[in-house]
Protein backbone atom coordinates (compact mmCIF):
# COMPACT_ATOMS: atom_id res chain seq x y z
CA MET A 1 22.71 -4.81 -5.46
CA MET A 2 21.34 -8.22 -6.40
CA PHE A 3 19.45 -8.25 -3.11
CA MET A 4 17.69 -5.01 -4.11
CA TYR A 5 16.54 -6.59 -7.38
CA PHE A 6 15.22 -9.56 -5.42
CA ILE A 7 13.28 -7.30 -3.06
CA ALA A 8 11.94 -5.25 -5.98
CA SER A 9 10.73 -8.41 -7.72
CA LEU A 10 8.98 -9.58 -4.55
CA LEU A 11 7.30 -6.20 -4.18
CA ALA A 12 6.23 -6.28 -7.83
CA ALA A 13 4.75 -9.75 -7.38
CA ALA A 14 2.87 -8.56 -4.28
CA CYS A 15 1.63 -5.56 -6.26
CA PHE A 16 0.21 -7.75 -9.02
CA MET A 17 -1.44 -10.06 -6.50
CA CYS A 18 -3.07 -7.08 -4.80
CA LEU A 19 -4.26 -5.71 -8.13
CA TYR A 20 -5.78 -9.09 -8.93
CA ARG A 21 -7.57 -9.16 -5.57
CA ILE A 22 -8.85 -5.62 -6.09
CA GLY A 23 -10.27 -6.56 -9.48
CA HIS A 24 -11.65 -10.00 -8.65
CA GLY A 25 -12.32 -9.82 -4.92
CA PRO A 26 -15.53 -11.58 -3.97
CA THR A 27 -16.48 -9.01 -1.31
CA ALA A 28 -15.87 -5.35 -0.70
CA SER A 29 -13.90 -6.09 2.46
CA ASP A 30 -11.46 -8.24 0.44
CA ARG A 31 -10.96 -5.32 -1.91
CA THR A 32 -10.42 -2.95 1.03
CA VAL A 33 -7.73 -5.18 2.50
CA ALA A 34 -6.06 -5.45 -0.92
CA ILE A 35 -6.06 -1.66 -1.28
CA ASP A 36 -4.47 -1.35 2.16
CA ILE A 37 -1.79 -3.89 1.32
CA LEU A 38 -1.15 -2.15 -2.00
CA GLY A 39 -0.48 1.06 -0.07
CA THR A 40 2.02 -0.83 2.08
CA VAL A 41 3.71 -2.22 -1.04
CA VAL A 42 4.01 1.29 -2.47
CA VAL A 43 5.66 2.38 0.77
CA GLY A 44 8.08 -0.51 0.34
CA PHE A 45 8.91 0.62 -3.21
CA VAL A 46 9.52 4.17 -2.02
CA CYS A 47 11.77 2.96 0.81
CA LEU A 48 13.69 0.74 -1.59
CA SER A 49 14.22 3.64 -3.96
CA ALA A 50 15.38 5.78 -1.02
CA ILE A 51 18.01 3.18 -0.20
CA VAL A 52 19.16 2.73 -3.80
CA LEU A 53 19.24 6.44 -4.68
CA ARG A 54 20.49 7.53 -1.22
CA LYS A 55 17.85 10.27 -0.96
CA ASP A 56 16.43 10.74 2.51
CA PHE A 57 13.55 12.82 1.13
CA TYR A 58 11.96 9.62 -0.16
CA MET A 59 11.67 8.33 3.38
CA ASN A 60 9.55 11.38 4.22
CA LEU A 61 7.36 10.54 1.24
CA ALA A 62 7.02 6.96 2.46
CA ILE A 63 5.89 8.11 5.90
CA ALA A 64 3.37 10.52 4.41
CA TRP A 65 2.07 7.84 2.03
CA ALA A 66 1.66 5.37 4.91
CA LEU A 67 -0.34 7.90 6.92
CA VAL A 68 -2.61 8.77 4.00
CA SER A 69 -3.10 5.09 3.20
CA PHE A 70 -4.05 4.37 6.81
CA ILE A 71 -6.56 7.22 6.95
CA GLY A 72 -8.03 6.17 3.60
CA THR A 73 -8.45 2.60 4.78
CA LEU A 74 -10.21 3.78 7.92
CA ALA A 75 -12.54 5.99 5.90
CA LEU A 76 -13.34 3.21 3.43
CA SER A 77 -14.04 0.69 6.18
CA LYS A 78 -16.37 3.12 7.95
CA HIS A 79 -18.16 3.72 4.66
CA LEU A 80 -18.58 -0.01 4.09
CA GLU A 81 -20.06 -0.39 7.58
CA GLY A 82 -22.57 2.33 6.79
CA ARG A 83 -21.39 4.59 9.58
CA ARG A 84 -20.66 8.29 9.39
CA PHE A 85 -17.19 9.72 9.84
CA ASP A 86 -18.03 11.46 13.11
CA GLU A 87 -19.21 8.31 14.88
């Protein structure tokens, strides 16, 4: 159980670093990467809670969150390039 606390603290530290980068990023691409990493950290939190609580439904939520985060990152990067979504 101590290992789970260690992993949770590492994920929390990564979350705060991503939030800092989102707020103080010098460019929009830095903020986009930080948002993508924050989505990955959230997936890590959901997987950790699935392991601790022994609920397999949370793994389905983690997969769905990862897919939505990926699609959102693609859409944001296309927007920053100035391209349309159908190109």
